[in-house]
Amino acid sequence: MKKRIIILGKAASGKDFLQKQLIENGFCPLKQYTTRPKRPNEDGSEYHFVDVVEFNSISHKLMSVQNFNGWKYGYDIDEALASDVMIFSPANFFDMNMSTDERCRELSLSSMVVYLDIDEDTRRERLSVRYNGGKEDDSLERRLRADAEDFRTLDHIDWKNSSLEDFVHLCNKDEVDDFLKKLFS
């Protein structure tokens, strides 16, 4: 069995790009459930897009239910165990590792974590397209502040001296490309 990959990263860090590269090479993605509407560039394969009523009716089987910007997110642990690649928020990651559910422990032990720690200027440029308001758009600024708070714990890890052997810390596109090259060679 190939090792599962959990991708962590702030908005516009390249999570979707990395996941798509892995999918093109045979990895099976986890689709989380969300009440968020599809973005114009999404085809519906990225998430199980559901309304609030449906989300609430299945919430008993979802792990790490999170609220972000008024939308709900959560994942089915059995679907996660059947997947090879998944995009998690820091809250998803910490919930998985703190859970007493044996399936979460299995998911944690069988996964490599790839943290995309891309600089803010690059992410700001990418987000300005998404938020259509340019660099001073209030939604963009709120997203950057929310990510800074959500990733605060991960940003303080000394990755070079970490004993976390199943963690990969990537800081730019060249490092992502090298990681993919090594993974598939």
Protein backbone atom coordinates (compact mmCIF):
# COMPACT_ATOMS: atom_id res chain seq x y z
CA MET A 1 0.00 0.00 0.00
CA LYS A 2 1.33 3.44 -0.82
CA LYS A 3 1.46 5.89 2.02
CA ARG A 4 -1.42 8.33 2.28
CA ILE A 5 -0.60 12.01 1.88
CA ILE A 6 -2.26 14.73 3.91
CA ILE A 7 -1.72 18.18 2.41
CA LEU A 8 -1.73 21.22 4.68
CA GLY A 9 -1.33 24.79 3.53
CA LYS A 10 -2.73 28.27 3.74
CA ALA A 11 -5.06 29.64 1.08
CA ALA A 12 -3.47 29.77 -2.39
CA SER A 13 -0.42 27.75 -1.31
CA GLY A 14 -0.89 25.18 -4.08
CA LYS A 15 -2.85 22.48 -2.24
CA ASP A 16 -5.19 21.83 -5.16
CA PHE A 17 -2.29 21.82 -7.63
CA LEU A 18 -0.39 19.23 -5.59
CA GLN A 19 -3.47 17.09 -5.08
CA LYS A 20 -4.25 17.16 -8.83
CA GLN A 21 -0.70 16.03 -9.61
CA LEU A 22 -1.10 13.12 -7.19
CA ILE A 23 -4.50 12.19 -8.62
CA GLU A 24 -3.03 12.18 -12.14
CA ASN A 25 -0.52 9.65 -10.84
CA GLY A 26 -3.08 7.26 -9.41
CA PHE A 27 -3.84 8.64 -5.96
CA CYS A 28 -7.47 8.50 -4.83
CA PRO A 29 -8.64 11.79 -3.26
CA LEU A 30 -10.79 12.34 -0.20
CA LYS A 31 -13.78 14.52 -0.87
CA GLN A 32 -14.83 16.39 2.22
CA TYR A 33 -18.41 17.49 2.73
CA THR A 34 -19.13 21.21 2.64
CA THR A 35 -22.02 23.61 2.54
CA ARG A 36 -19.82 26.08 0.67
CA PRO A 37 -20.99 26.82 -2.88
CA LYS A 38 -18.81 25.71 -5.77
CA ARG A 39 -16.32 28.27 -7.03
CA PRO A 40 -16.46 29.12 -10.75
CA ASN A 41 -13.33 27.03 -11.45
CA GLU A 42 -14.64 23.93 -9.63
CA ASP A 43 -16.43 21.09 -11.41
CA GLY A 44 -17.93 19.43 -8.33
CA SER A 45 -15.31 16.70 -7.98
CA GLU A 46 -13.44 18.60 -5.26
CA TYR A 47 -16.03 18.22 -2.47
CA HIS A 48 -19.36 16.65 -1.69
CA PHE A 49 -21.26 19.93 -2.07
CA VAL A 50 -24.39 19.65 0.08
CA ASP A 51 -26.90 22.02 1.61
CA VAL A 52 -27.13 22.66 5.35
CA VAL A 53 -30.05 20.25 5.83
CA GLU A 54 -28.17 17.37 4.22
CA PHE A 55 -24.95 18.25 6.06
CA ASN A 56 -26.78 18.22 9.39
CA SER A 57 -28.44 14.88 8.56
CA ILE A 58 -25.04 13.20 8.01
CA SER A 59 -23.06 15.11 10.64
CA HIS A 60 -23.12 12.10 13.00
CA LYS A 61 -20.77 10.24 10.65
CA LEU A 62 -18.44 13.18 9.95
CA MET A 63 -15.14 13.84 11.67
CA SER A 64 -13.65 17.21 12.52
CA VAL A 65 -16.65 19.32 11.58
CA GLN A 66 -15.45 22.89 11.15
CA ASN A 67 -17.14 26.19 10.44
CA PHE A 68 -15.33 28.63 8.19
CA ASN A 69 -16.82 31.89 6.95
CA GLY A 70 -20.34 30.59 7.65
CA TRP A 71 -19.86 27.29 5.78
CA LYS A 72 -19.53 23.85 7.30
CA TYR A 73 -16.86 21.30 6.44
CA GLY A 74 -16.30 17.73 7.58
CA TYR A 75 -15.00 14.39 6.34
CA ASP A 76 -16.15 10.81 6.60
CA ILE A 77 -13.38 8.81 8.28
CA ASP A 78 -14.22 5.67 6.30
CA GLU A 79 -13.86 7.64 3.05
CA ALA A 80 -10.55 9.03 4.34
CA LEU A 81 -9.25 5.53 5.02
CA ALA A 82 -10.18 4.55 1.46
CA SER A 83 -8.32 7.59 0.08
CA ASP A 84 -4.65 8.20 -0.73
CA VAL A 85 -4.54 12.00 -0.68
CA MET A 86 -6.46 14.58 1.28
CA ILE A 87 -6.37 18.29 1.95
CA PHE A 88 -6.78 19.09 5.65
CA SER A 89 -6.96 22.26 7.66
CA PRO A 90 -4.78 22.46 10.77
CA ALA A 91 -7.95 21.81 12.80
CA ASN A 92 -8.66 18.62 10.80
CA PHE A 93 -5.08 17.50 11.34
CA PHE A 94 -5.04 18.15 15.09
CA ASP A 95 -8.55 16.67 15.56
CA MET A 96 -7.41 13.49 13.77
CA ASN A 97 -4.34 13.20 16.00
CA MET A 98 -6.25 13.92 19.21
CA SER A 99 -9.19 11.64 18.45
CA THR A 100 -9.72 8.45 20.43
CA ASP A 101 -11.31 6.82 17.37
CA GLU A 102 -9.05 3.96 16.26
CA ARG A 103 -9.78 4.78 12.62
CA CYS A 104 -8.32 8.27 13.13
CA ARG A 105 -5.23 6.72 14.71
CA GLU A 106 -4.90 4.41 11.71
CA LEU A 107 -5.25 7.38 9.34
CA SER A 108 -2.61 9.34 11.24
CA LEU A 109 -0.10 6.48 11.39
CA SER A 110 -0.45 5.63 7.72
CA SER A 111 -0.06 9.18 6.41
CA MET A 112 2.73 11.49 5.37
CA VAL A 113 2.00 15.18 5.95
CA VAL A 114 3.09 17.69 3.32
CA TYR A 115 2.99 21.28 4.54
CA LEU A 116 2.99 23.88 1.76
CA ASP A 117 4.46 26.93 3.47
CA ILE A 118 4.41 29.38 0.55
CA ASP A 119 5.31 33.04 1.14
CA GLU A 120 2.52 35.54 1.70
CA ASP A 121 3.34 37.71 -1.33
CA THR A 122 2.87 34.75 -3.69
CA ARG A 123 -0.34 33.72 -1.96
CA ARG A 124 -1.64 37.31 -1.94
CA GLU A 125 -1.07 37.54 -5.69
CA ARG A 126 -2.93 34.26 -6.29
CA LEU A 127 -5.76 35.24 -3.94
CA SER A 128 -6.25 38.62 -5.61
CA VAL A 129 -7.56 36.73 -8.65
CA ARG A 130 -9.96 34.70 -6.48
CA TYR A 131 -11.31 37.70 -4.61
CA ASN A 132 -11.47 40.01 -7.66
CA GLY A 133 -10.81 43.05 -5.50
CA GLY A 134 -7.07 43.28 -5.85
CA LYS A 135 -4.47 43.46 -3.11
CA GLU A 136 -6.52 45.63 -0.76
CA ASP A 137 -9.72 43.56 -0.93
CA ASP A 138 -11.19 43.13 2.57
CA SER A 139 -12.12 39.46 1.99
CA LEU A 140 -8.57 38.69 0.92
CA GLU A 141 -7.16 40.43 3.99
CA ARG A 142 -9.57 38.57 6.29
CA ARG A 143 -8.51 35.26 4.69
CA LEU A 144 -4.81 36.03 5.21
CA ARG A 145 -5.43 36.96 8.87
CA ALA A 146 -7.54 33.82 9.44
CA ASP A 147 -4.82 31.62 7.91
CA ALA A 148 -2.13 33.29 10.02
CA GLU A 149 -4.13 32.39 13.12
CA ASP A 150 -5.04 28.86 11.98
CA PHE A 151 -1.46 27.97 11.02
CA ARG A 152 0.26 29.65 13.97
CA THR A 153 1.20 26.31 15.59
CA LEU A 154 2.60 24.83 12.37
CA ASP A 155 4.56 27.98 11.61
CA HIS A 156 6.49 27.62 14.89
CA ILE A 157 7.80 24.12 14.25
CA ASP A 158 11.54 23.95 13.63
CA TRP A 159 11.15 21.75 10.55
CA LYS A 160 14.89 21.28 9.90
CA ASN A 161 15.47 19.90 13.40
CA SER A 162 12.14 18.13 13.77
CA SER A 163 11.96 14.42 14.57
CA LEU A 164 8.74 14.23 12.58
CA GLU A 165 9.97 11.97 9.78
CA ASP A 166 6.56 11.76 8.11
CA PHE A 167 6.40 15.54 7.64
CA VAL A 168 7.58 17.27 4.50
CA HIS A 169 7.95 21.05 4.57
CA LEU A 170 7.87 22.71 1.13
CA CYS A 171 8.34 26.46 0.70
CA ASN A 172 8.19 27.11 -3.05
CA LYS A 173 7.19 25.64 -6.41
CA ASP A 174 10.68 24.25 -7.09
CA GLU A 175 10.52 22.27 -3.85
CA VAL A 176 7.05 20.99 -4.75
CA ASP A 177 8.31 19.94 -8.20
CA ASP A 178 11.33 18.17 -6.62
CA PHE A 179 9.06 16.40 -4.14
CA LEU A 180 6.82 15.15 -6.95
CA LYS A 181 9.82 14.05 -9.01
CA LYS A 182 11.23 12.05 -6.10
CA LEU A 183 7.84 10.59 -5.22
CA PHE A 184 7.26 9.27 -8.73
CA SER A 185 10.82 8.21 -9.63
